[in-house]
mmCIF file of all heavy atoms, coordinates in Angstrom:
data_MODEL
# 
_entry.id   MODEL 
# 
loop_
_atom_site.group_PDB 
_atom_site.id 
_atom_site.type_symbol 
_atom_site.label_atom_id 
_atom_site.label_alt_id 
_atom_site.label_comp_id 
_atom_site.label_asym_id 
_atom_site.label_entity_id 
_atom_site.label_seq_id 
_atom_site.pdbx_PDB_ins_code 
_atom_site.Cartn_x 
_atom_site.Cartn_y 
_atom_site.Cartn_z 
_atom_site.occupancy 
_atom_site.B_iso_or_equiv 
_atom_site.pdbx_formal_charge 
_atom_site.auth_seq_id 
_atom_site.auth_comp_id 
_atom_site.auth_asym_id 
_atom_site.auth_atom_id 
_atom_site.pdbx_PDB_model_num 
ATOM 1   N N   . ARG A 1 1  ? -16.252 -14.260 16.322  1.00 0.00 ? 1  ARG A N   1 
ATOM 2   C CA  . ARG A 1 1  ? -17.466 -13.602 15.873  1.00 0.00 ? 1  ARG A CA  1 
ATOM 3   C C   . ARG A 1 1  ? -17.203 -13.014 14.498  1.00 0.00 ? 1  ARG A C   1 
ATOM 4   O O   . ARG A 1 1  ? -16.153 -12.419 14.266  1.00 0.00 ? 1  ARG A O   1 
ATOM 5   C CB  . ARG A 1 1  ? -17.820 -12.495 16.868  1.00 0.00 ? 1  ARG A CB  1 
ATOM 6   C CG  . ARG A 1 1  ? -19.137 -11.830 16.584  1.00 0.00 ? 1  ARG A CG  1 
ATOM 7   C CD  . ARG A 1 1  ? -19.475 -10.847 17.653  1.00 0.00 ? 1  ARG A CD  1 
ATOM 8   N NE  . ARG A 1 1  ? -18.619 -9.662  17.453  1.00 0.00 ? 1  ARG A NE  1 
ATOM 9   C CZ  . ARG A 1 1  ? -18.704 -8.569  18.160  1.00 0.00 ? 1  ARG A CZ  1 
ATOM 10  N NH1 . ARG A 1 1  ? -19.559 -8.490  19.139  1.00 0.00 ? 1  ARG A NH1 1 
ATOM 11  N NH2 . ARG A 1 1  ? -17.926 -7.550  17.925  1.00 0.00 ? 1  ARG A NH2 1 
ATOM 12  N N   . VAL A 1 2  ? -18.147 -13.190 13.604  1.00 0.00 ? 2  VAL A N   1 
ATOM 13  C CA  . VAL A 1 2  ? -18.028 -12.647 12.256  1.00 0.00 ? 2  VAL A CA  1 
ATOM 14  C C   . VAL A 1 2  ? -18.970 -11.459 12.157  1.00 0.00 ? 2  VAL A C   1 
ATOM 15  O O   . VAL A 1 2  ? -20.138 -11.540 12.526  1.00 0.00 ? 2  VAL A O   1 
ATOM 16  C CB  . VAL A 1 2  ? -18.403 -13.708 11.197  1.00 0.00 ? 2  VAL A CB  1 
ATOM 17  C CG1 . VAL A 1 2  ? -18.356 -13.104 9.813   1.00 0.00 ? 2  VAL A CG1 1 
ATOM 18  C CG2 . VAL A 1 2  ? -17.480 -14.906 11.315  1.00 0.00 ? 2  VAL A CG2 1 
ATOM 19  N N   . GLN A 1 3  ? -18.437 -10.357 11.685  1.00 0.00 ? 3  GLN A N   1 
ATOM 20  C CA  . GLN A 1 3  ? -19.247 -9.144  11.561  1.00 0.00 ? 3  GLN A CA  1 
ATOM 21  C C   . GLN A 1 3  ? -19.042 -8.581  10.163  1.00 0.00 ? 3  GLN A C   1 
ATOM 22  O O   . GLN A 1 3  ? -17.906 -8.438  9.703   1.00 0.00 ? 3  GLN A O   1 
ATOM 23  C CB  . GLN A 1 3  ? -18.823 -8.116  12.609  1.00 0.00 ? 3  GLN A CB  1 
ATOM 24  C CG  . GLN A 1 3  ? -19.633 -6.860  12.582  1.00 0.00 ? 3  GLN A CG  1 
ATOM 25  C CD  . GLN A 1 3  ? -19.209 -5.900  13.688  1.00 0.00 ? 3  GLN A CD  1 
ATOM 26  O OE1 . GLN A 1 3  ? -18.346 -6.210  14.482  1.00 0.00 ? 3  GLN A OE1 1 
ATOM 27  N NE2 . GLN A 1 3  ? -19.812 -4.744  13.716  1.00 0.00 ? 3  GLN A NE2 1 
ATOM 28  N N   . ALA A 1 4  ? -20.124 -8.281  9.490   1.00 0.00 ? 4  ALA A N   1 
ATOM 29  C CA  . ALA A 1 4  ? -20.039 -7.708  8.149   1.00 0.00 ? 4  ALA A CA  1 
ATOM 30  C C   . ALA A 1 4  ? -19.596 -6.250  8.245   1.00 0.00 ? 4  ALA A C   1 
ATOM 31  O O   . ALA A 1 4  ? -20.007 -5.533  9.155   1.00 0.00 ? 4  ALA A O   1 
ATOM 32  C CB  . ALA A 1 4  ? -21.392 -7.797  7.467   1.00 0.00 ? 4  ALA A CB  1 
ATOM 33  N N   . PRO A 1 5  ? -18.743 -5.816  7.320   1.00 0.00 ? 5  PRO A N   1 
ATOM 34  C CA  . PRO A 1 5  ? -18.331 -4.411  7.356   1.00 0.00 ? 5  PRO A CA  1 
ATOM 35  C C   . PRO A 1 5  ? -19.499 -3.511  6.941   1.00 0.00 ? 5  PRO A C   1 
ATOM 36  O O   . PRO A 1 5  ? -20.382 -3.912  6.198   1.00 0.00 ? 5  PRO A O   1 
ATOM 37  C CB  . PRO A 1 5  ? -17.202 -4.348  6.326   1.00 0.00 ? 5  PRO A CB  1 
ATOM 38  C CG  . PRO A 1 5  ? -17.455 -5.493  5.414   1.00 0.00 ? 5  PRO A CG  1 
ATOM 39  C CD  . PRO A 1 5  ? -18.123 -6.562  6.243   1.00 0.00 ? 5  PRO A CD  1 
ATOM 40  N N   . ASN A 1 6  ? -19.478 -2.300  7.481   1.00 0.00 ? 6  ASN A N   1 
ATOM 41  C CA  . ASN A 1 6  ? -20.512 -1.322  7.126   1.00 0.00 ? 6  ASN A CA  1 
ATOM 42  C C   . ASN A 1 6  ? -20.238 -0.787  5.730   1.00 0.00 ? 6  ASN A C   1 
ATOM 43  O O   . ASN A 1 6  ? -19.098 -0.603  5.336   1.00 0.00 ? 6  ASN A O   1 
ATOM 44  C CB  . ASN A 1 6  ? -20.515 -0.157  8.122   1.00 0.00 ? 6  ASN A CB  1 
ATOM 45  C CG  . ASN A 1 6  ? -20.919 -0.622  9.503   1.00 0.00 ? 6  ASN A CG  1 
ATOM 46  O OD1 . ASN A 1 6  ? -21.653 -1.587  9.649   1.00 0.00 ? 6  ASN A OD1 1 
ATOM 47  N ND2 . ASN A 1 6  ? -20.416 0.045   10.516  1.00 0.00 ? 6  ASN A ND2 1 
ATOM 48  N N   . ARG A 1 7  ? -21.301 -0.561  5.001   1.00 0.00 ? 7  ARG A N   1 
ATOM 49  C CA  . ARG A 1 7  ? -21.171 0.027   3.679   1.00 0.00 ? 7  ARG A CA  1 
ATOM 50  C C   . ARG A 1 7  ? -21.501 1.505   3.779   1.00 0.00 ? 7  ARG A C   1 
ATOM 51  O O   . ARG A 1 7  ? -22.459 1.900   4.427   1.00 0.00 ? 7  ARG A O   1 
ATOM 52  C CB  . ARG A 1 7  ? -22.139 -0.633  2.704   1.00 0.00 ? 7  ARG A CB  1 
ATOM 53  C CG  . ARG A 1 7  ? -21.740 -2.068  2.398   1.00 0.00 ? 7  ARG A CG  1 
ATOM 54  C CD  . ARG A 1 7  ? -22.597 -2.637  1.351   1.00 0.00 ? 7  ARG A CD  1 
ATOM 55  N NE  . ARG A 1 7  ? -22.390 -1.839  0.133   1.00 0.00 ? 7  ARG A NE  1 
ATOM 56  C CZ  . ARG A 1 7  ? -22.903 -2.150  -1.030  1.00 0.00 ? 7  ARG A CZ  1 
ATOM 57  N NH1 . ARG A 1 7  ? -23.655 -3.207  -1.150  1.00 0.00 ? 7  ARG A NH1 1 
ATOM 58  N NH2 . ARG A 1 7  ? -22.686 -1.408  -2.081  1.00 0.00 ? 7  ARG A NH2 1 
ATOM 59  N N   . VAL A 1 8  ? -20.695 2.288   3.128   1.00 0.00 ? 8  VAL A N   1 
ATOM 60  C CA  . VAL A 1 8  ? -20.899 3.732   3.132   1.00 0.00 ? 8  VAL A CA  1 
ATOM 61  C C   . VAL A 1 8  ? -20.908 4.214   1.690   1.00 0.00 ? 8  VAL A C   1 
ATOM 62  O O   . VAL A 1 8  ? -20.001 3.913   0.921   1.00 0.00 ? 8  VAL A O   1 
ATOM 63  C CB  . VAL A 1 8  ? -19.770 4.453   3.917   1.00 0.00 ? 8  VAL A CB  1 
ATOM 64  C CG1 . VAL A 1 8  ? -19.952 5.952   3.862   1.00 0.00 ? 8  VAL A CG1 1 
ATOM 65  C CG2 . VAL A 1 8  ? -19.732 3.972   5.350   1.00 0.00 ? 8  VAL A CG2 1 
ATOM 66  N N   . ASP A 1 9  ? -21.956 4.915   1.324   1.00 0.00 ? 9  ASP A N   1 
ATOM 67  C CA  . ASP A 1 9  ? -22.033 5.516   -0.004  1.00 0.00 ? 9  ASP A CA  1 
ATOM 68  C C   . ASP A 1 9  ? -21.679 6.994   0.133   1.00 0.00 ? 9  ASP A C   1 
ATOM 69  O O   . ASP A 1 9  ? -22.228 7.699   0.977   1.00 0.00 ? 9  ASP A O   1 
ATOM 70  C CB  . ASP A 1 9  ? -23.443 5.383   -0.584  1.00 0.00 ? 9  ASP A CB  1 
ATOM 71  C CG  . ASP A 1 9  ? -23.807 3.928   -0.863  1.00 0.00 ? 9  ASP A CG  1 
ATOM 72  O OD1 . ASP A 1 9  ? -22.905 3.167   -1.248  1.00 0.00 ? 9  ASP A OD1 1 
ATOM 73  O OD2 . ASP A 1 9  ? -24.985 3.573   -0.699  1.00 0.00 ? 9  ASP A OD2 1 
ATOM 74  N N   . LEU A 1 10 ? -20.745 7.442   -0.669  1.00 0.00 ? 10 LEU A N   1 
ATOM 75  C CA  . LEU A 1 10 ? -20.326 8.838   -0.640  1.00 0.00 ? 10 LEU A CA  1 
ATOM 76  C C   . LEU A 1 10 ? -20.766 9.510   -1.933  1.00 0.00 ? 10 LEU A C   1 
ATOM 77  O O   . LEU A 1 10 ? -20.752 8.911   -3.005  1.00 0.00 ? 10 LEU A O   1 
ATOM 78  C CB  . LEU A 1 10 ? -18.802 8.942   -0.520  1.00 0.00 ? 10 LEU A CB  1 
ATOM 79  C CG  . LEU A 1 10 ? -18.189 8.381   0.760   1.00 0.00 ? 10 LEU A CG  1 
ATOM 80  C CD1 . LEU A 1 10 ? -16.680 8.478   0.678   1.00 0.00 ? 10 LEU A CD1 1 
ATOM 81  C CD2 . LEU A 1 10 ? -18.710 9.135   1.966   1.00 0.00 ? 10 LEU A CD2 1 
ATOM 82  N N   . GLY A 1 11 ? -21.132 10.740  -1.805  1.00 0.00 ? 11 GLY A N   1 
ATOM 83  C CA  . GLY A 1 11 ? -21.532 11.511  -2.977  1.00 0.00 ? 11 GLY A CA  1 
ATOM 84  C C   . GLY A 1 11 ? -21.672 12.969  -2.588  1.00 0.00 ? 11 GLY A C   1 
ATOM 85  O O   . GLY A 1 11 ? -21.660 13.313  -1.409  1.00 0.00 ? 11 GLY A O   1 
ATOM 86  N N   . ALA A 1 12 ? -21.766 13.796  -3.553  1.00 0.00 ? 12 ALA A N   1 
ATOM 87  C CA  . ALA A 1 12 ? -21.910 15.218  -3.274  1.00 0.00 ? 12 ALA A CA  1 
ATOM 88  C C   . ALA A 1 12 ? -22.883 15.835  -4.268  1.00 0.00 ? 12 ALA A C   1 
ATOM 89  O O   . ALA A 1 12 ? -22.725 15.709  -5.469  1.00 0.00 ? 12 ALA A O   1 
ATOM 90  C CB  . ALA A 1 12 ? -20.561 15.913  -3.370  1.00 0.00 ? 12 ALA A CB  1 
ATOM 91  N N   . GLN A 1 13 ? -23.892 16.437  -3.714  1.00 0.00 ? 13 GLN A N   1 
ATOM 92  C CA  . GLN A 1 13 ? -24.798 17.250  -4.520  1.00 0.00 ? 13 GLN A CA  1 
ATOM 93  C C   . GLN A 1 13 ? -24.875 18.590  -3.806  1.00 0.00 ? 13 GLN A C   1 
ATOM 94  O O   . GLN A 1 13 ? -25.395 18.687  -2.699  1.00 0.00 ? 13 GLN A O   1 
ATOM 95  C CB  . GLN A 1 13 ? -26.185 16.630  -4.598  1.00 0.00 ? 13 GLN A CB  1 
ATOM 96  C CG  . GLN A 1 13 ? -26.253 15.410  -5.472  1.00 0.00 ? 13 GLN A CG  1 
ATOM 97  C CD  . GLN A 1 13 ? -27.679 14.919  -5.594  1.00 0.00 ? 13 GLN A CD  1 
ATOM 98  O OE1 . GLN A 1 13 ? -28.570 15.308  -4.854  1.00 0.00 ? 13 GLN A OE1 1 
ATOM 99  N NE2 . GLN A 1 13 ? -27.892 14.054  -6.570  1.00 0.00 ? 13 GLN A NE2 1 
ATOM 100 N N   . ILE A 1 14 ? -24.317 19.585  -4.432  1.00 0.00 ? 14 ILE A N   1 
ATOM 101 C CA  . ILE A 1 14 ? -24.256 20.888  -3.792  1.00 0.00 ? 14 ILE A CA  1 
ATOM 102 C C   . ILE A 1 14 ? -25.010 21.897  -4.656  1.00 0.00 ? 14 ILE A C   1 
ATOM 103 O O   . ILE A 1 14 ? -24.779 22.015  -5.867  1.00 0.00 ? 14 ILE A O   1 
ATOM 104 C CB  . ILE A 1 14 ? -22.792 21.342  -3.617  1.00 0.00 ? 14 ILE A CB  1 
ATOM 105 C CG1 . ILE A 1 14 ? -22.051 20.353  -2.721  1.00 0.00 ? 14 ILE A CG1 1 
ATOM 106 C CG2 . ILE A 1 14 ? -22.712 22.729  -3.040  1.00 0.00 ? 14 ILE A CG2 1 
ATOM 107 C CD1 . ILE A 1 14 ? -20.585 20.634  -2.594  1.00 0.00 ? 14 ILE A CD1 1 
ATOM 108 N N   . THR A 1 15 ? -25.874 22.561  -4.011  1.00 0.00 ? 15 THR A N   1 
ATOM 109 C CA  . THR A 1 15 ? -26.518 23.700  -4.673  1.00 0.00 ? 15 THR A CA  1 
ATOM 110 C C   . THR A 1 15 ? -26.127 24.933  -3.880  1.00 0.00 ? 15 THR A C   1 
ATOM 111 O O   . THR A 1 15 ? -26.008 24.887  -2.655  1.00 0.00 ? 15 THR A O   1 
ATOM 112 C CB  . THR A 1 15 ? -28.055 23.557  -4.670  1.00 0.00 ? 15 THR A CB  1 
ATOM 113 O OG1 . THR A 1 15 ? -28.507 23.412  -3.345  1.00 0.00 ? 15 THR A OG1 1 
ATOM 114 C CG2 . THR A 1 15 ? -28.463 22.358  -5.506  1.00 0.00 ? 15 THR A CG2 1 
ATOM 115 N N   . GLY A 1 16 ? -25.878 25.966  -4.551  1.00 0.00 ? 16 GLY A N   1 
ATOM 116 C CA  . GLY A 1 16 ? -25.494 27.189  -3.855  1.00 0.00 ? 16 GLY A CA  1 
ATOM 117 C C   . GLY A 1 16 ? -25.353 28.346  -4.822  1.00 0.00 ? 16 GLY A C   1 
ATOM 118 O O   . GLY A 1 16 ? -25.499 28.210  -6.030  1.00 0.00 ? 16 GLY A O   1 
ATOM 119 N N   . THR A 1 17 ? -25.022 29.456  -4.232  1.00 0.00 ? 17 THR A N   1 
ATOM 120 C CA  . THR A 1 17 ? -24.842 30.680  -5.007  1.00 0.00 ? 17 THR A CA  1 
ATOM 121 C C   . THR A 1 17 ? -23.353 30.939  -5.112  1.00 0.00 ? 17 THR A C   1 
ATOM 122 O O   . THR A 1 17 ? -22.623 30.827  -4.128  1.00 0.00 ? 17 THR A O   1 
ATOM 123 C CB  . THR A 1 17 ? -25.517 31.852  -4.281  1.00 0.00 ? 17 THR A CB  1 
ATOM 124 O OG1 . THR A 1 17 ? -26.872 31.486  -4.002  1.00 0.00 ? 17 THR A OG1 1 
ATOM 125 C CG2 . THR A 1 17 ? -25.485 33.101  -5.123  1.00 0.00 ? 17 THR A CG2 1 
ATOM 126 N N   . GLU A 1 18 ? -22.936 31.318  -6.310  1.00 0.00 ? 18 GLU A N   1 
ATOM 127 C CA  . GLU A 1 18 ? -21.513 31.571  -6.480  1.00 0.00 ? 18 GLU A CA  1 
ATOM 128 C C   . GLU A 1 18 ? -21.128 32.876  -5.796  1.00 0.00 ? 18 GLU A C   1 
ATOM 129 O O   . GLU A 1 18 ? -21.823 33.882  -5.862  1.00 0.00 ? 18 GLU A O   1 
ATOM 130 C CB  . GLU A 1 18 ? -21.150 31.634  -7.960  1.00 0.00 ? 18 GLU A CB  1 
ATOM 131 C CG  . GLU A 1 18 ? -21.810 32.789  -8.701  1.00 0.00 ? 18 GLU A CG  1 
ATOM 132 C CD  . GLU A 1 18 ? -21.478 32.796  -10.159 1.00 0.00 ? 18 GLU A CD  1 
ATOM 133 O OE1 . GLU A 1 18 ? -21.764 31.805  -10.836 1.00 0.00 ? 18 GLU A OE1 1 
ATOM 134 O OE2 . GLU A 1 18 ? -20.937 33.834  -10.612 1.00 0.00 ? 18 GLU A OE2 1 
ATOM 135 N N   . ALA A 1 19 ? -19.985 32.807  -5.143  1.00 0.00 ? 19 ALA A N   1 
ATOM 136 C CA  . ALA A 1 19 ? -19.457 34.014  -4.507  1.00 0.00 ? 19 ALA A CA  1 
ATOM 137 C C   . ALA A 1 19 ? -18.498 34.695  -5.474  1.00 0.00 ? 19 ALA A C   1 
ATOM 138 O O   . ALA A 1 19 ? -18.524 35.915  -5.633  1.00 0.00 ? 19 ALA A O   1 
ATOM 139 C CB  . ALA A 1 19 ? -18.745 33.671  -3.211  1.00 0.00 ? 19 ALA A CB  1 
ATOM 140 N N   . ARG A 1 20 ? -17.660 33.928  -6.137  1.00 0.00 ? 20 ARG A N   1 
ATOM 141 C CA  . ARG A 1 20 ? -16.739 34.487  -7.136  1.00 0.00 ? 20 ARG A CA  1 
ATOM 142 C C   . ARG A 1 20 ? -16.221 33.386  -8.034  1.00 0.00 ? 20 ARG A C   1 
ATOM 143 O O   . ARG A 1 20 ? -16.226 32.219  -7.668  1.00 0.00 ? 20 ARG A O   1 
ATOM 144 C CB  . ARG A 1 20 ? -15.601 35.259  -6.487  1.00 0.00 ? 20 ARG A CB  1 
ATOM 145 C CG  . ARG A 1 20 ? -14.629 34.412  -5.727  1.00 0.00 ? 20 ARG A CG  1 
ATOM 146 C CD  . ARG A 1 20 ? -13.547 35.277  -5.032  1.00 0.00 ? 20 ARG A CD  1 
ATOM 147 N NE  . ARG A 1 20 ? -12.543 34.397  -4.423  1.00 0.00 ? 20 ARG A NE  1 
ATOM 148 C CZ  . ARG A 1 20 ? -11.378 34.124  -4.959  1.00 0.00 ? 20 ARG A CZ  1 
ATOM 149 N NH1 . ARG A 1 20 ? -11.020 34.658  -6.103  1.00 0.00 ? 20 ARG A NH1 1 
ATOM 150 N NH2 . ARG A 1 20 ? -10.537 33.307  -4.337  1.00 0.00 ? 20 ARG A NH2 1 
ATOM 151 N N   . ILE A 1 21 ? -15.730 33.760  -9.200  1.00 0.00 ? 21 ILE A N   1 
ATOM 152 C CA  . ILE A 1 21 ? -15.105 32.845  -10.151 1.00 0.00 ? 21 ILE A CA  1 
ATOM 153 C C   . ILE A 1 21 ? -13.710 33.407  -10.437 1.00 0.00 ? 21 ILE A C   1 
ATOM 154 O O   . ILE A 1 21 ? -13.580 34.430  -11.117 1.00 0.00 ? 21 ILE A O   1 
ATOM 155 C CB  . ILE A 1 21 ? -15.920 32.744  -11.456 1.00 0.00 ? 21 ILE A CB  1 
ATOM 156 C CG1 . ILE A 1 21 ? -17.342 32.260  -11.137 1.00 0.00 ? 21 ILE A CG1 1 
ATOM 157 C CG2 . ILE A 1 21 ? -15.238 31.800  -12.442 1.00 0.00 ? 21 ILE A CG2 1 
ATOM 158 C CD1 . ILE A 1 21 ? -18.268 32.248  -12.317 1.00 0.00 ? 21 ILE A CD1 1 
ATOM 159 N N   . PRO A 1 22 ? -12.665 32.771  -9.883  1.00 0.00 ? 22 PRO A N   1 
ATOM 160 C CA  . PRO A 1 22 ? -11.319 33.344  -10.006 1.00 0.00 ? 22 PRO A CA  1 
ATOM 161 C C   . PRO A 1 22 ? -10.639 33.087  -11.349 1.00 0.00 ? 22 PRO A C   1 
ATOM 162 O O   . PRO A 1 22 ? -9.523  33.560  -11.569 1.00 0.00 ? 22 PRO A O   1 
ATOM 163 C CB  . PRO A 1 22 ? -10.540 32.682  -8.870  1.00 0.00 ? 22 PRO A CB  1 
ATOM 164 C CG  . PRO A 1 22 ? -11.250 31.417  -8.595  1.00 0.00 ? 22 PRO A CG  1 
ATOM 165 C CD  . PRO A 1 22 ? -12.674 31.639  -8.961  1.00 0.00 ? 22 PRO A CD  1 
ATOM 166 N N   . VAL A 1 23 ? -11.256 32.364  -12.265 1.00 0.00 ? 23 VAL A N   1 
ATOM 167 C CA  . VAL A 1 23 ? -10.629 32.098  -13.564 1.00 0.00 ? 23 VAL A CA  1 
ATOM 168 C C   . VAL A 1 23 ? -11.505 32.695  -14.662 1.00 0.00 ? 23 VAL A C   1 
ATOM 169 O O   . VAL A 1 23 ? -12.712 32.837  -14.508 1.00 0.00 ? 23 VAL A O   1 
ATOM 170 C CB  . VAL A 1 23 ? -10.432 30.580  -13.804 1.00 0.00 ? 23 VAL A CB  1 
ATOM 171 C CG1 . VAL A 1 23 ? -9.418  30.008  -12.842 1.00 0.00 ? 23 VAL A CG1 1 
ATOM 172 C CG2 . VAL A 1 23 ? -11.722 29.808  -13.719 1.00 0.00 ? 23 VAL A CG2 1 
ATOM 173 N N   . ALA A 1 24 ? -10.864 33.025  -15.753 1.00 0.00 ? 24 ALA A N   1 
ATOM 174 C CA  . ALA A 1 24 ? -11.602 33.573  -16.897 1.00 0.00 ? 24 ALA A CA  1 
ATOM 175 C C   . ALA A 1 24 ? -11.888 32.454  -17.877 1.00 0.00 ? 24 ALA A C   1 
ATOM 176 O O   . ALA A 1 24 ? -11.213 31.431  -17.881 1.00 0.00 ? 24 ALA A O   1 
ATOM 177 C CB  . ALA A 1 24 ? -10.758 34.661  -17.565 1.00 0.00 ? 24 ALA A CB  1 
ATOM 178 N N   . GLY A 1 25 ? -12.888 32.634  -18.697 1.00 0.00 ? 25 GLY A N   1 
ATOM 179 C CA  . GLY A 1 25 ? -13.227 31.639  -19.713 1.00 0.00 ? 25 GLY A CA  1 
ATOM 180 C C   . GLY A 1 25 ? -12.073 31.418  -20.664 1.00 0.00 ? 25 GLY A C   1 
ATOM 181 O O   . GLY A 1 25 ? -11.458 32.356  -21.140 1.00 0.00 ? 25 GLY A O   1 
ATOM 182 N N   . GLY A 1 26 ? -11.721 30.136  -20.938 1.00 0.00 ? 26 GLY A N   1 
ATOM 183 C CA  . GLY A 1 26 ? -10.632 29.814  -21.861 1.00 0.00 ? 26 GLY A CA  1 
ATOM 184 C C   . GLY A 1 26 ? -9.262  29.843  -21.217 1.00 0.00 ? 26 GLY A C   1 
ATOM 185 O O   . GLY A 1 26 ? -8.254  29.580  -21.878 1.00 0.00 ? 26 GLY A O   1 
ATOM 186 N N   . GLN A 1 27 ? -9.184  30.194  -19.952 1.00 0.00 ? 27 GLN A N   1 
ATOM 187 C CA  . GLN A 1 27 ? -7.888  30.259  -19.270 1.00 0.00 ? 27 GLN A CA  1 
ATOM 188 C C   . GLN A 1 27 ? -7.386  28.831  -19.007 1.00 0.00 ? 27 GLN A C   1 
ATOM 189 O O   . GLN A 1 27 ? -8.148  27.932  -18.693 1.00 0.00 ? 27 GLN A O   1 
ATOM 190 C CB  . GLN A 1 27 ? -8.039  31.024  -17.945 1.00 0.00 ? 27 GLN A CB  1 
ATOM 191 C CG  . GLN A 1 27 ? -6.773  31.119  -17.138 1.00 0.00 ? 27 GLN A CG  1 
ATOM 192 C CD  . GLN A 1 27 ? -7.001  31.835  -15.806 1.00 0.00 ? 27 GLN A CD  1 
ATOM 193 O OE1 . GLN A 1 27 ? -8.037  32.471  -15.601 1.00 0.00 ? 27 GLN A OE1 1 
ATOM 194 N NE2 . GLN A 1 27 ? -6.043  31.715  -14.911 1.00 0.00 ? 27 GLN A NE2 1 
ATOM 195 N N   . ILE A 1 28 ? -6.069  28.607  -19.128 1.00 0.00 ? 28 ILE A N   1 
ATOM 196 C CA  . ILE A 1 28 ? -5.463  27.305  -18.837 1.00 0.00 ? 28 ILE A CA  1 
ATOM 197 C C   . ILE A 1 28 ? -5.276  27.196  -17.325 1.00 0.00 ? 28 ILE A C   1 
ATOM 198 O O   . ILE A 1 28 ? -4.732  28.101  -16.686 1.00 0.00 ? 28 ILE A O   1 
ATOM 199 C CB  . ILE A 1 28 ? -4.114  27.149  -19.560 1.00 0.00 ? 28 ILE A CB  1 
ATOM 200 C CG1 . ILE A 1 28 ? -4.342  27.172  -21.072 1.00 0.00 ? 28 ILE A CG1 1 
ATOM 201 C CG2 . ILE A 1 28 ? -3.410  25.866  -19.136 1.00 0.00 ? 28 ILE A CG2 1 
ATOM 202 C CD1 . ILE A 1 28 ? -3.082  27.143  -21.890 1.00 0.00 ? 28 ILE A CD1 1 
ATOM 203 N N   . VAL A 1 29 ? -5.754  26.058  -16.760 1.00 0.00 ? 29 VAL A N   1 
ATOM 204 C CA  . VAL A 1 29 ? -5.656  25.843  -15.308 1.00 0.00 ? 29 VAL A CA  1 
ATOM 205 C C   . VAL A 1 29 ? -4.872  24.564  -15.038 1.00 0.00 ? 29 VAL A C   1 
ATOM 206 O O   . VAL A 1 29 ? -4.717  23.712  -15.900 1.00 0.00 ? 29 VAL A O   1 
ATOM 207 C CB  . VAL A 1 29 ? -7.050  25.751  -14.655 1.00 0.00 ? 29 VAL A CB  1 
ATOM 208 C CG1 . VAL A 1 29 ? -7.777  27.083  -14.760 1.00 0.00 ? 29 VAL A CG1 1 
ATOM 209 C CG2 . VAL A 1 29 ? -7.870  24.642  -15.245 1.00 0.00 ? 29 VAL A CG2 1 
# 
């Protein structure tokens, strides 16, 4: 029996409110 593999599209669209930002502007990460 031949069966085609399922296709899965992955992606992320997140909307939310920031709780905190642990880095400062211009900081090397």
